[in-house]
Amino acid sequence: MEVKKYLETCLLRINKGDILLYEGGKVIVLDFYLTPNGMTDPKVVAVIVARRCINKNIVEATSDKFQAIKREQYQEKLYT
């Protein structure tokens, strides 16, 4: 897969080990999984498990709480 910078393509593949922003600080992605949104909401959401780069704390939140970093490089996701 080709490596692209953020905003060069709209389809990015986020992998374990990639760096994202969470609450204004950088985190390293450790894992991710899909789960229902709640006990009464059957919609499936993606949850990212990550480690903060500064204090090494583990964070776990839905994917909409994370942001790609403009200067980072991510793999491009191609669908055929």
PDB file of N, CA and C in Angstrom:
ATOM      1  N   MET A   1       0.829  -1.183   0.000  1.00  0.00           N
ATOM      2  CA  MET A   1       0.000   0.000   0.000  1.00  0.00           C
ATOM      3  C   MET A   1       0.874   1.247   0.000  1.00  0.00           C
ATOM      4  N   GLU A   2       0.390   2.237  -0.652  1.00  0.00           N
ATOM      5  CA  GLU A   2       1.115   3.484  -0.745  1.00  0.00           C
ATOM      6  C   GLU A   2       0.928   4.303   0.533  1.00  0.00           C
ATOM      7  N   VAL A   3       2.007   4.970   0.942  1.00  0.00           N
ATOM      8  CA  VAL A   3       1.945   5.829   2.121  1.00  0.00           C
ATOM      9  C   VAL A   3       1.554   7.227   1.687  1.00  0.00           C
ATOM     10  N   LYS A   4       0.588   7.813   2.364  1.00  0.00           N
ATOM     11  CA  LYS A   4       0.109   9.157   2.041  1.00  0.00           C
ATOM     12  C   LYS A   4       0.098  10.012   3.288  1.00  0.00           C
ATOM     13  N   LYS A   5       0.260  11.301   3.101  1.00  0.00           N
ATOM     14  CA  LYS A   5       0.084  12.222   4.209  1.00  0.00           C
ATOM     15  C   LYS A   5      -1.390  12.534   4.360  1.00  0.00           C
ATOM     16  N   TYR A   6      -1.774  12.887   5.561  1.00  0.00           N
ATOM     17  CA  TYR A   6      -3.152  13.292   5.847  1.00  0.00           C
ATOM     18  C   TYR A   6      -3.547  14.416   4.901  1.00  0.00           C
ATOM     19  N   LEU A   7      -4.754  14.388   4.409  1.00  0.00           N
ATOM     20  CA  LEU A   7      -5.364  15.347   3.490  1.00  0.00           C
ATOM     21  C   LEU A   7      -4.918  15.176   2.043  1.00  0.00           C
ATOM     22  N   GLU A   8      -3.990  14.259   1.746  1.00  0.00           N
ATOM     23  CA  GLU A   8      -3.669  13.960   0.352  1.00  0.00           C
ATOM     24  C   GLU A   8      -4.698  13.003  -0.233  1.00  0.00           C
ATOM     25  N   THR A   9      -5.396  12.301   0.617  1.00  0.00           N
ATOM     26  CA  THR A   9      -6.441  11.368   0.212  1.00  0.00           C
ATOM     27  C   THR A   9      -7.507  11.337   1.297  1.00  0.00           C
ATOM     28  N   CYS A  10      -8.709  10.989   0.933  1.00  0.00           N
ATOM     29  CA  CYS A  10      -9.772  10.933   1.937  1.00  0.00           C
ATOM     30  C   CYS A  10      -9.877   9.556   2.579  1.00  0.00           C
ATOM     31  N   LEU A  11      -9.190   8.574   2.040  1.00  0.00           N
ATOM     32  CA  LEU A  11      -9.265   7.215   2.584  1.00  0.00           C
ATOM     33  C   LEU A  11      -7.938   6.841   3.222  1.00  0.00           C
ATOM     34  N   LEU A  12      -7.871   6.899   4.540  1.00  0.00           N
ATOM     35  CA  LEU A  12      -6.661   6.538   5.260  1.00  0.00           C
ATOM     36  C   LEU A  12      -6.885   5.259   6.036  1.00  0.00           C
ATOM     37  N   ARG A  13      -5.877   4.432   6.074  1.00  0.00           N
ATOM     38  CA  ARG A  13      -5.926   3.217   6.890  1.00  0.00           C
ATOM     39  C   ARG A  13      -5.158   3.525   8.176  1.00  0.00           C
ATOM     40  N   ILE A  14      -5.850   3.471   9.298  1.00  0.00           N
ATOM     41  CA  ILE A  14      -5.204   3.677  10.589  1.00  0.00           C
ATOM     42  C   ILE A  14      -4.829   2.306  11.126  1.00  0.00           C
ATOM     43  N   ASN A  15      -3.557   2.112  11.439  1.00  0.00           N
ATOM     44  CA  ASN A  15      -3.044   0.828  11.904  1.00  0.00           C
ATOM     45  C   ASN A  15      -2.543   0.927  13.338  1.00  0.00           C
ATOM     46  N   LYS A  16      -2.364  -0.211  13.965  1.00  0.00           N
ATOM     47  CA  LYS A  16      -1.718  -0.241  15.268  1.00  0.00           C
ATOM     48  C   LYS A  16      -0.333   0.374  15.113  1.00  0.00           C
ATOM     49  N   GLY A  17       0.049   1.226  16.058  1.00  0.00           N
ATOM     50  CA  GLY A  17       1.343   1.892  15.988  1.00  0.00           C
ATOM     51  C   GLY A  17       1.282   3.279  15.376  1.00  0.00           C
ATOM     52  N   ASP A  18       0.194   3.623  14.696  1.00  0.00           N
ATOM     53  CA  ASP A  18       0.046   4.965  14.122  1.00  0.00           C
ATOM     54  C   ASP A  18      -0.187   5.981  15.244  1.00  0.00           C
ATOM     55  N   ILE A  19       0.158   7.229  14.969  1.00  0.00           N
ATOM     56  CA  ILE A  19       0.003   8.310  15.933  1.00  0.00           C
ATOM     57  C   ILE A  19      -1.194   9.163  15.543  1.00  0.00           C
ATOM     58  N   LEU A  20      -2.063   9.423  16.512  1.00  0.00           N
ATOM     59  CA  LEU A  20      -3.249  10.259  16.334  1.00  0.00           C
ATOM     60  C   LEU A  20      -3.284  11.314  17.428  1.00  0.00           C
ATOM     61  N   LEU A  21      -4.208  12.256  17.309  1.00  0.00           N
ATOM     62  CA  LEU A  21      -4.458  13.227  18.373  1.00  0.00           C
ATOM     63  C   LEU A  21      -5.685  12.804  19.167  1.00  0.00           C
ATOM     64  N   TYR A  22      -5.590  12.956  20.491  1.00  0.00           N
ATOM     65  CA  TYR A  22      -6.719  12.703  21.386  1.00  0.00           C
ATOM     66  C   TYR A  22      -6.676  13.757  22.483  1.00  0.00           C
ATOM     67  N   GLU A  23      -7.720  14.554  22.566  1.00  0.00           N
ATOM     68  CA  GLU A  23      -7.806  15.644  23.545  1.00  0.00           C
ATOM     69  C   GLU A  23      -6.567  16.532  23.504  1.00  0.00           C
ATOM     70  N   GLY A  24      -6.105  16.852  22.312  1.00  0.00           N
ATOM     71  CA  GLY A  24      -4.997  17.776  22.121  1.00  0.00           C
ATOM     72  C   GLY A  24      -3.607  17.193  22.276  1.00  0.00           C
ATOM     73  N   GLY A  25      -3.494  15.919  22.651  1.00  0.00           N
ATOM     74  CA  GLY A  25      -2.183  15.293  22.807  1.00  0.00           C
ATOM     75  C   GLY A  25      -2.030  14.097  21.889  1.00  0.00           C
ATOM     76  N   LYS A  26      -0.790  13.764  21.575  1.00  0.00           N
ATOM     77  CA  LYS A  26      -0.516  12.624  20.702  1.00  0.00           C
ATOM     78  C   LYS A  26      -0.669  11.315  21.457  1.00  0.00           C
ATOM     79  N   VAL A  27      -1.230  10.324  20.749  1.00  0.00           N
ATOM     80  CA  VAL A  27      -1.373   8.967  21.279  1.00  0.00           C
ATOM     81  C   VAL A  27      -0.927   7.971  20.220  1.00  0.00           C
ATOM     82  N   ILE A  28      -0.503   6.797  20.672  1.00  0.00           N
ATOM     83  CA  ILE A  28      -0.119   5.712  19.767  1.00  0.00           C
ATOM     84  C   ILE A  28      -1.218   4.654  19.814  1.00  0.00           C
ATOM     85  N   VAL A  29      -1.744   4.270  18.657  1.00  0.00           N
ATOM     86  CA  VAL A  29      -2.823   3.291  18.584  1.00  0.00           C
ATOM     87  C   VAL A  29      -2.294   1.907  18.978  1.00  0.00           C
ATOM     88  N   LEU A  30      -2.936   1.300  19.977  1.00  0.00           N
ATOM     89  CA  LEU A  30      -2.579  -0.047  20.415  1.00  0.00           C
ATOM     90  C   LEU A  30      -3.505  -1.101  19.843  1.00  0.00           C
ATOM     91  N   ASP A  31      -4.795  -0.751  19.739  1.00  0.00           N
ATOM     92  CA  ASP A  31      -5.786  -1.712  19.277  1.00  0.00           C
ATOM     93  C   ASP A  31      -7.065  -0.962  18.930  1.00  0.00           C
ATOM     94  N   PHE A  32      -7.993  -1.636  18.290  1.00  0.00           N
ATOM     95  CA  PHE A  32      -9.307  -1.077  18.010  1.00  0.00           C
ATOM     96  C   PHE A  32     -10.283  -2.223  17.835  1.00  0.00           C
ATOM     97  N   TYR A  33     -11.558  -1.936  18.104  1.00  0.00           N
ATOM     98  CA  TYR A  33     -12.581  -2.966  17.976  1.00  0.00           C
ATOM     99  C   TYR A  33     -13.931  -2.310  17.719  1.00  0.00           C
ATOM    100  N   LEU A  34     -14.888  -3.121  17.258  1.00  0.00           N
ATOM    101  CA  LEU A  34     -16.249  -2.666  17.016  1.00  0.00           C
ATOM    102  C   LEU A  34     -17.143  -3.163  18.139  1.00  0.00           C
ATOM    103  N   THR A  35     -18.098  -2.315  18.526  1.00  0.00           N
ATOM    104  CA  THR A  35     -19.008  -2.671  19.609  1.00  0.00           C
ATOM    105  C   THR A  35     -20.322  -1.919  19.426  1.00  0.00           C
ATOM    106  N   PRO A  36     -21.421  -2.425  19.971  1.00  0.00           N
ATOM    107  CA  PRO A  36     -22.661  -1.637  19.936  1.00  0.00           C
ATOM    108  C   PRO A  36     -22.455  -0.325  20.688  1.00  0.00           C
ATOM    109  N   ASN A  37     -23.184   0.708  20.300  1.00  0.00           N
ATOM    110  CA  ASN A  37     -23.018   2.036  20.886  1.00  0.00           C
ATOM    111  C   ASN A  37     -23.516   2.119  22.325  1.00  0.00           C
ATOM    112  N   GLY A  38     -24.298   1.195  22.760  1.00  0.00           N
ATOM    113  CA  GLY A  38     -24.801   1.195  24.131  1.00  0.00           C
ATOM    114  C   GLY A  38     -25.808   0.078  24.325  1.00  0.00           C
ATOM    115  N   MET A  39     -26.318   0.002  25.527  1.00  0.00           N
ATOM    116  CA  MET A  39     -27.272  -1.064  25.854  1.00  0.00           C
ATOM    117  C   MET A  39     -28.552  -0.972  25.030  1.00  0.00           C
ATOM    118  N   THR A  40     -28.983   0.242  24.697  1.00  0.00           N
ATOM    119  CA  THR A  40     -30.240   0.415  23.967  1.00  0.00           C
ATOM    120  C   THR A  40     -30.038   0.881  22.530  1.00  0.00           C
ATOM    121  N   ASP A  41     -28.782   1.091  22.121  1.00  0.00           N
ATOM    122  CA  ASP A  41     -28.486   1.573  20.767  1.00  0.00           C
ATOM    123  C   ASP A  41     -27.695   0.502  20.028  1.00  0.00           C
ATOM    124  N   PRO A  42     -28.316  -0.200  19.066  1.00  0.00           N
ATOM    125  CA  PRO A  42     -27.626  -1.292  18.381  1.00  0.00           C
ATOM    126  C   PRO A  42     -26.628  -0.840  17.308  1.00  0.00           C
ATOM    127  N   LYS A  43     -26.521   0.462  17.051  1.00  0.00           N
ATOM    128  CA  LYS A  43     -25.555   0.929  16.055  1.00  0.00           C
ATOM    129  C   LYS A  43     -24.146   0.541  16.488  1.00  0.00           C
ATOM    130  N   VAL A  44     -23.352   0.093  15.530  1.00  0.00           N
ATOM    131  CA  VAL A  44     -21.980  -0.320  15.813  1.00  0.00           C
ATOM    132  C   VAL A  44     -21.048   0.881  15.686  1.00  0.00           C
ATOM    133  N   VAL A  45     -20.143   1.025  16.672  1.00  0.00           N
ATOM    134  CA  VAL A  45     -19.140   2.092  16.636  1.00  0.00           C
ATOM    135  C   VAL A  45     -17.754   1.470  16.774  1.00  0.00           C
ATOM    136  N   ALA A  46     -16.754   2.178  16.295  1.00  0.00           N
ATOM    137  CA  ALA A  46     -15.365   1.743  16.445  1.00  0.00           C
ATOM    138  C   ALA A  46     -14.775   2.377  17.693  1.00  0.00           C
ATOM    139  N   VAL A  47     -14.092   1.580  18.479  1.00  0.00           N
ATOM    140  CA  VAL A  47     -13.417   2.064  19.683  1.00  0.00           C
ATOM    141  C   VAL A  47     -11.920   1.896  19.465  1.00  0.00           C
ATOM    142  N   ILE A  48     -11.153   2.944  19.765  1.00  0.00           N
ATOM    143  CA  ILE A  48      -9.699   2.912  19.639  1.00  0.00           C
ATOM    144  C   ILE A  48      -9.097   2.863  21.036  1.00  0.00           C
ATOM    145  N   VAL A  49      -8.145   1.956  21.223  1.00  0.00           N
ATOM    146  CA  VAL A  49      -7.372   1.868  22.455  1.00  0.00           C
ATOM    147  C   VAL A  49      -5.991   2.417  22.133  1.00  0.00           C
ATOM    148  N   ALA A  50      -5.530   3.406  22.902  1.00  0.00           N
ATOM    149  CA  ALA A  50      -4.265   4.062  22.588  1.00  0.00           C
ATOM    150  C   ALA A  50      -3.509   4.415  23.867  1.00  0.00           C
ATOM    151  N   ARG A  51      -2.214   4.664  23.718  1.00  0.00           N
ATOM    152  CA  ARG A  51      -1.355   5.075  24.838  1.00  0.00           C
ATOM    153  C   ARG A  51      -0.899   6.510  24.596  1.00  0.00           C
ATOM    154  N   ARG A  52      -1.080   7.356  25.601  1.00  0.00           N
ATOM    155  CA  ARG A  52      -0.606   8.740  25.499  1.00  0.00           C
ATOM    156  C   ARG A  52       0.911   8.750  25.373  1.00  0.00           C
ATOM    157  N   CYS A  53       1.431   9.623  24.524  1.00  0.00           N
ATOM    158  CA  CYS A  53       2.876   9.696  24.295  1.00  0.00           C
ATOM    159  C   CYS A  53       3.608  10.326  25.485  1.00  0.00           C
ATOM    160  N   ILE A  54       2.955  11.235  26.209  1.00  0.00           N
ATOM    161  CA  ILE A  54       3.637  11.947  27.290  1.00  0.00           C
ATOM    162  C   ILE A  54       3.665  11.131  28.584  1.00  0.00           C
ATOM    163  N   ASN A  55       2.514  10.768  29.126  1.00  0.00           N
ATOM    164  CA  ASN A  55       2.504  10.108  30.433  1.00  0.00           C
ATOM    165  C   ASN A  55       2.236   8.605  30.361  1.00  0.00           C
ATOM    166  N   LYS A  56       2.103   8.056  29.172  1.00  0.00           N
ATOM    167  CA  LYS A  56       1.941   6.619  28.933  1.00  0.00           C
ATOM    168  C   LYS A  56       0.624   6.045  29.442  1.00  0.00           C
ATOM    169  N   ASN A  57      -0.332   6.882  29.846  1.00  0.00           N
ATOM    170  CA  ASN A  57      -1.648   6.396  30.256  1.00  0.00           C
ATOM    171  C   ASN A  57      -2.379   5.794  29.057  1.00  0.00           C
ATOM    172  N   ILE A  58      -3.213   4.805  29.323  1.00  0.00           N
ATOM    173  CA  ILE A  58      -4.027   4.180  28.283  1.00  0.00           C
ATOM    174  C   ILE A  58      -5.357   4.917  28.200  1.00  0.00           C
ATOM    175  N   VAL A  59      -5.783   5.227  26.976  1.00  0.00           N
ATOM    176  CA  VAL A  59      -7.091   5.843  26.748  1.00  0.00           C
ATOM    177  C   VAL A  59      -7.890   4.932  25.833  1.00  0.00           C
ATOM    178  N   GLU A  60      -9.207   4.954  25.998  1.00  0.00           N
ATOM    179  CA  GLU A  60     -10.098   4.143  25.186  1.00  0.00           C
ATOM    180  C   GLU A  60     -11.335   4.987  24.918  1.00  0.00           C
ATOM    181  N   ALA A  61     -11.621   5.236  23.630  1.00  0.00           N
ATOM    182  CA  ALA A  61     -12.759   6.090  23.279  1.00  0.00           C
ATOM    183  C   ALA A  61     -13.223   5.755  21.872  1.00  0.00           C
ATOM    184  N   THR A  62     -14.434   6.214  21.536  1.00  0.00           N
ATOM    185  CA  THR A  62     -14.937   5.998  20.177  1.00  0.00           C
ATOM    186  C   THR A  62     -14.073   6.766  19.190  1.00  0.00           C
ATOM    187  N   SER A  63     -14.024   6.276  17.983  1.00  0.00           N
ATOM    188  CA  SER A  63     -13.101   6.808  16.975  1.00  0.00           C
ATOM    189  C   SER A  63     -13.333   8.279  16.642  1.00  0.00           C
ATOM    190  N   ASP A  64     -14.545   8.795  16.857  1.00  0.00           N
ATOM    191  CA  ASP A  64     -14.808  10.196  16.537  1.00  0.00           C
ATOM    192  C   ASP A  64     -14.092  11.157  17.489  1.00  0.00           C
ATOM    193  N   LYS A  65     -13.510  10.650  18.565  1.00  0.00           N
ATOM    194  CA  LYS A  65     -12.777  11.492  19.513  1.00  0.00           C
ATOM    195  C   LYS A  65     -11.310  11.685  19.107  1.00  0.00           C
ATOM    196  N   PHE A  66     -10.874  10.947  18.091  1.00  0.00           N
ATOM    197  CA  PHE A  66      -9.483  10.995  17.637  1.00  0.00           C
ATOM    198  C   PHE A  66      -9.384  11.764  16.323  1.00  0.00           C
ATOM    199  N   GLN A  67      -8.206  12.327  16.057  1.00  0.00           N
ATOM    200  CA  GLN A  67      -7.981  13.054  14.805  1.00  0.00           C
ATOM    201  C   GLN A  67      -6.664  12.612  14.183  1.00  0.00           C
ATOM    202  N   ALA A  68      -6.650  12.546  12.852  1.00  0.00           N
ATOM    203  CA  ALA A  68      -5.401  12.302  12.132  1.00  0.00           C
ATOM    204  C   ALA A  68      -4.543  13.563  12.227  1.00  0.00           C
ATOM    205  N   ILE A  69      -3.233  13.403  12.153  1.00  0.00           N
ATOM    206  CA  ILE A  69      -2.294  14.521  12.259  1.00  0.00           C
ATOM    207  C   ILE A  69      -1.785  14.864  10.867  1.00  0.00           C
ATOM    208  N   LYS A  70      -1.816  16.126  10.524  1.00  0.00           N
ATOM    209  CA  LYS A  70      -1.468  16.555   9.165  1.00  0.00           C
ATOM    210  C   LYS A  70      -0.058  16.145   8.749  1.00  0.00           C
ATOM    211  N   ARG A  71       0.906  16.187   9.661  1.00  0.00           N
ATOM    212  CA  ARG A  71       2.293  15.892   9.295  1.00  0.00           C
ATOM    213  C   ARG A  71       2.639  14.410   9.350  1.00  0.00           C
ATOM    214  N   GLU A  72       1.746  13.600   9.894  1.00  0.00           N
ATOM    215  CA  GLU A  72       1.993  12.152   9.966  1.00  0.00           C
ATOM    216  C   GLU A  72       1.725  11.497   8.617  1.00  0.00           C
ATOM    217  N   GLN A  73       2.281  10.328   8.429  1.00  0.00           N
ATOM    218  CA  GLN A  73       2.012   9.567   7.218  1.00  0.00           C
ATOM    219  C   GLN A  73       1.238   8.313   7.582  1.00  0.00           C
ATOM    220  N   TYR A  74       0.196   8.049   6.817  1.00  0.00           N
ATOM    221  CA  TYR A  74      -0.667   6.897   7.035  1.00  0.00           C
ATOM    222  C   TYR A  74      -0.770   6.132   5.722  1.00  0.00           C
ATOM    223  N   GLN A  75      -1.122   4.861   5.790  1.00  0.00           N
ATOM    224  CA  GLN A  75      -1.337   4.098   4.572  1.00  0.00           C
ATOM    225  C   GLN A  75      -2.644   4.530   3.941  1.00  0.00           C
ATOM    226  N   GLU A  76      -2.653   4.521   2.625  1.00  0.00           N
ATOM    227  CA  GLU A  76      -3.883   4.845   1.892  1.00  0.00           C
ATOM    228  C   GLU A  76      -4.715   3.567   1.752  1.00  0.00           C
ATOM    229  N   LYS A  77      -5.998   3.667   1.979  1.00  0.00           N
ATOM    230  CA  LYS A  77      -6.911   2.532   1.834  1.00  0.00           C
ATOM    231  C   LYS A  77      -7.509   2.593   0.449  1.00  0.00           C
ATOM    232  N   LEU A  78      -7.276   1.552  -0.349  1.00  0.00           N
ATOM    233  CA  LEU A  78      -7.804   1.485  -1.705  1.00  0.00           C
ATOM    234  C   LEU A  78      -8.863   0.389  -1.788  1.00  0.00           C
ATOM    235  N   TYR A  79     -10.006   0.718  -2.338  1.00  0.00           N
ATOM    236  CA  TYR A  79     -11.064  -0.253  -2.570  1.00  0.00           C
ATOM    237  C   TYR A  79     -11.178  -0.501  -4.057  1.00  0.00           C
ATOM    238  N   THR A  80     -11.237  -1.758  -4.444  1.00  0.00           N
ATOM    239  CA  THR A  80     -11.354  -2.066  -5.880  1.00  0.00           C
ATOM    240  C   THR A  80     -12.623  -2.826  -6.152  1.00  0.00           C
TER     241      THR A  80
END
